[in-house]
Protein backbone atom coordinates (compact mmCIF):
# COMPACT_ATOMS: atom_id res chain seq x y z
CA MET A 1 -25.93 -9.33 -20.64
CA ASN A 2 -27.14 -6.74 -23.11
CA LYS A 3 -25.91 -6.78 -26.70
CA ARG A 4 -23.82 -3.58 -26.45
CA ILE A 5 -21.90 -4.82 -23.42
CA GLN A 6 -21.28 -8.15 -25.16
CA GLU A 7 -19.96 -6.31 -28.23
CA ILE A 8 -17.54 -4.29 -26.09
CA ILE A 9 -16.25 -7.38 -24.28
CA ASP A 10 -15.86 -9.21 -27.59
CA ALA A 11 -13.92 -6.27 -29.06
CA TYR A 12 -11.34 -6.21 -26.25
CA PHE A 13 -11.18 -9.89 -25.25
CA PRO A 14 -10.73 -12.25 -28.21
CA VAL A 15 -12.74 -15.45 -28.13
CA GLY A 16 -10.52 -18.36 -27.11
CA SER A 17 -7.97 -16.21 -25.26
CA VAL A 18 -6.85 -16.94 -21.70
CA MET A 19 -7.41 -13.26 -20.90
CA ARG A 20 -11.08 -13.56 -21.93
CA ASP A 21 -11.58 -16.69 -19.82
CA TYR A 22 -10.22 -14.98 -16.69
CA TYR A 23 -12.14 -11.80 -17.43
CA LEU A 24 -15.49 -13.50 -17.96
CA LEU A 25 -15.20 -15.77 -14.93
CA HIS A 26 -14.30 -12.81 -12.74
CA VAL A 27 -16.90 -10.32 -13.97
CA GLU A 28 -19.70 -12.90 -14.07
CA ASN A 29 -19.09 -13.76 -10.41
CA VAL A 30 -18.83 -10.11 -9.41
CA THR A 31 -22.04 -9.40 -11.34
CA LYS A 32 -23.93 -12.25 -9.62
CA LYS A 33 -22.84 -11.01 -6.19
CA ALA A 34 -23.57 -7.34 -6.98
CA LEU A 35 -27.04 -8.17 -8.36
CA SER A 36 -27.75 -10.35 -5.34
CA ILE A 37 -26.86 -7.41 -3.08
CA CYS A 38 -29.07 -5.15 -5.18
CA ASP A 39 -32.00 -7.58 -5.02
CA ARG A 40 -31.65 -8.12 -1.25
CA ASN A 41 -31.68 -4.37 -0.60
CA PRO A 42 -34.65 -2.81 -2.44
CA ASN A 43 -34.67 -0.06 0.19
CA LEU A 44 -31.44 1.30 -1.37
CA GLN A 45 -33.27 1.93 -4.66
CA ALA A 46 -30.26 1.01 -6.77
CA ASN A 47 -30.54 1.01 -10.55
CA ARG A 48 -30.22 -2.74 -11.25
CA ASP A 49 -29.33 -2.27 -14.93
CA LEU A 50 -26.55 0.14 -14.01
CA VAL A 51 -25.20 -2.28 -11.37
CA GLU A 52 -25.15 -5.05 -13.98
CA ALA A 53 -23.42 -2.94 -16.64
CA GLY A 54 -20.90 -1.56 -14.13
CA ALA A 55 -20.10 -5.04 -12.81
CA LEU A 56 -19.66 -6.53 -16.29
CA LEU A 57 -17.35 -3.71 -17.43
CA HIS A 58 -15.56 -2.60 -14.24
CA ASP A 59 -12.36 -4.46 -15.19
CA ILE A 60 -12.41 -3.87 -18.97
CA GLY A 61 -9.06 -2.05 -18.65
CA ILE A 62 -7.14 -5.23 -17.82
CA CYS A 63 -6.86 -5.80 -21.57
CA CYS A 64 -4.22 -3.02 -21.58
CA VAL A 65 -2.08 -4.19 -18.64
CA PHE A 66 0.85 -6.54 -18.28
CA ALA A 67 -0.38 -9.42 -16.13
CA PRO A 68 0.75 -12.63 -17.84
CA GLU A 69 -0.65 -14.81 -15.03
CA ILE A 70 -4.13 -13.92 -16.32
CA GLY A 71 -3.23 -13.79 -20.01
CA CYS A 72 -2.85 -10.00 -20.25
CA TYR A 73 0.13 -8.79 -22.28
CA GLY A 74 -0.44 -5.05 -22.53
CA GLU A 75 2.19 -2.48 -21.61
CA GLU A 76 0.56 -0.72 -18.66
CA PRO A 77 0.97 -1.59 -14.95
CA TYR A 78 -2.00 -3.38 -13.37
CA ILE A 79 -2.82 -0.49 -11.01
CA ARG A 80 -3.84 1.55 -14.06
CA HIS A 81 -6.57 -0.85 -15.23
CA GLY A 82 -9.28 1.32 -13.65
CA VAL A 83 -8.35 4.55 -15.42
CA LEU A 84 -7.70 2.66 -18.66
CA GLY A 85 -11.10 1.01 -18.37
CA ALA A 86 -12.73 4.41 -17.87
CA GLU A 87 -11.09 5.62 -21.09
CA ILE A 88 -12.33 2.55 -22.96
CA VAL A 89 -15.97 2.81 -21.84
CA CYS A 90 -16.00 6.54 -22.62
CA ARG A 91 -14.61 5.85 -26.08
CA GLU A 92 -17.34 3.23 -26.49
CA GLY A 93 -20.04 5.75 -25.59
CA LEU A 94 -20.77 4.46 -22.08
CA SER A 95 -19.37 7.29 -19.98
CA GLU A 96 -21.82 6.49 -17.16
CA ILE A 97 -19.78 3.32 -16.57
CA ALA A 98 -16.43 5.14 -16.25
CA PRO A 99 -16.75 5.67 -12.47
CA PHE A 100 -17.27 1.92 -11.97
CA CYS A 101 -13.92 1.34 -13.66
CA GLU A 102 -12.03 4.14 -11.89
CA ASN A 103 -13.45 3.72 -8.41
CA HIS A 104 -13.61 -0.04 -7.75
CA ILE A 105 -10.02 -0.65 -6.66
CA GLY A 106 -9.85 -1.53 -2.98
CA VAL A 107 -12.60 0.44 -1.28
CA GLY A 108 -11.52 3.45 -3.30
CA ILE A 109 -8.23 5.25 -3.68
CA THR A 110 -7.79 8.76 -2.29
CA GLU A 111 -5.47 11.50 -3.51
CA ALA A 112 -3.48 10.95 -0.32
CA ASP A 113 -3.16 7.21 -1.10
CA ILE A 114 -1.87 7.98 -4.60
CA VAL A 115 0.77 10.33 -3.22
CA LYS A 116 1.68 8.20 -0.19
CA TYR A 117 2.09 4.95 -2.15
CA ARG A 118 3.45 6.70 -5.28
CA LEU A 119 0.84 5.06 -7.45
CA ASP A 120 1.05 5.49 -11.20
CA LEU A 121 -2.35 7.18 -11.32
CA PRO A 122 -3.71 10.68 -11.82
CA VAL A 123 -3.71 12.44 -8.45
CA CYS A 124 -7.42 12.59 -7.67
CA ASN A 125 -9.96 10.81 -5.51
CA MET A 126 -11.15 7.54 -7.01
CA ILE A 127 -13.79 6.60 -4.49
CA PRO A 128 -17.16 4.93 -5.17
CA GLN A 129 -19.80 7.66 -4.86
CA THR A 130 -23.15 6.02 -5.61
CA VAL A 131 -24.78 3.00 -4.05
CA GLU A 132 -24.42 1.22 -7.41
CA GLN A 133 -20.66 1.89 -7.53
CA LYS A 134 -20.31 0.73 -3.92
CA MET A 135 -22.20 -2.51 -4.69
CA VAL A 136 -19.83 -3.34 -7.55
CA ALA A 137 -16.67 -2.38 -5.62
CA PHE A 138 -17.90 -4.42 -2.63
CA ALA A 139 -18.74 -7.48 -4.73
CA ASP A 140 -15.35 -7.21 -6.46
CA LYS A 141 -13.54 -7.64 -3.13
CA PHE A 142 -14.85 -11.21 -2.89
CA PHE A 143 -13.43 -12.40 -6.23
CA SER A 144 -9.82 -11.95 -7.24
CA LYS A 145 -8.42 -13.14 -10.52
CA SER A 146 -6.26 -15.76 -8.81
CA GLN A 147 -7.10 -19.33 -9.72
CA HIS A 148 -8.79 -20.16 -6.40
CA HIS A 149 -10.81 -16.98 -5.85
CA LEU A 150 -12.06 -16.72 -9.42
CA THR A 151 -15.16 -18.72 -8.49
CA VAL A 152 -14.90 -19.24 -4.73
CA PRO A 153 -15.58 -16.04 -2.76
CA LYS A 154 -12.85 -14.87 -0.42
CA PRO A 155 -13.74 -14.99 3.26
CA ILE A 156 -14.14 -11.58 4.87
CA GLU A 157 -11.10 -12.22 7.06
CA LYS A 158 -8.93 -12.51 3.94
CA ILE A 159 -10.46 -9.33 2.49
CA HIS A 160 -9.68 -7.53 5.75
CA LYS A 161 -6.08 -8.77 5.62
CA GLY A 162 -5.65 -7.45 2.07
CA LEU A 163 -7.15 -4.06 2.95
CA LEU A 164 -5.06 -3.71 6.12
CA ARG A 165 -1.96 -3.05 4.00
CA TYR A 166 -3.53 0.33 3.18
CA GLY A 167 -4.69 1.20 6.70
CA VAL A 168 -7.38 0.29 9.19
CA GLU A 169 -9.61 3.00 7.71
CA LYS A 170 -9.99 0.83 4.59
CA ILE A 171 -11.31 -2.02 6.74
CA ALA A 172 -13.71 0.40 8.41
CA ILE A 173 -15.11 1.42 5.00
CA PHE A 174 -15.49 -2.22 3.97
CA ASN A 175 -17.26 -2.98 7.27
CA GLN A 176 -19.64 -0.06 6.68
CA TRP A 177 -20.46 -1.59 3.30
CA CYS A 178 -21.06 -4.97 4.98
CA GLU A 179 -23.58 -3.29 7.25
CA LEU A 180 -25.17 -1.32 4.40
CA PHE A 181 -25.57 -4.42 2.22
CA GLY A 182 -26.51 -6.90 4.95
CA GLU A 183 -23.32 -8.95 4.78
CA GLU A 184 -22.54 -10.62 8.07
CA LEU A 185 -19.19 -9.75 9.62
CA PRO A 186 -17.19 -12.47 11.39
CA ASN A 187 -17.20 -12.38 15.20
């Protein structure tokens, strides 16, 4: 982890806090998976440093949300952690990381999703655009912040079940990513 990223994490997640423990466990596992995907797929010519930075900071916005089960006592709803994270990294001078924060939720959130589900988000497309953003969003699907899936990757079947709530097209996108990144789909 580079010094600047460590400084940002330290500024928003106090040492010794439950929130920091959850955050670090989650982002370290997402980072390992995303870098593994990057390393296994040199043909995709992903920027490894950008993947690492995006993975380490993609959830920085949780420091502003109310999610007591993971030690977060902010005032914002959890769904907003992506846009809040984008604001934080821009304020910290890392605007190239903002799309990793905004676009990692699910397999991306469309304008239509925001309207249909009445999400407390700006009405715009928040969809991973680059291979680096897709790697981080994909890796993130395997690790939730629940106690069990903090360190143990979710099986693909469970990821599919979670995505199905938002339509079969979300599963199709995830399956395309599995194919792109060489992740084996269950039979």
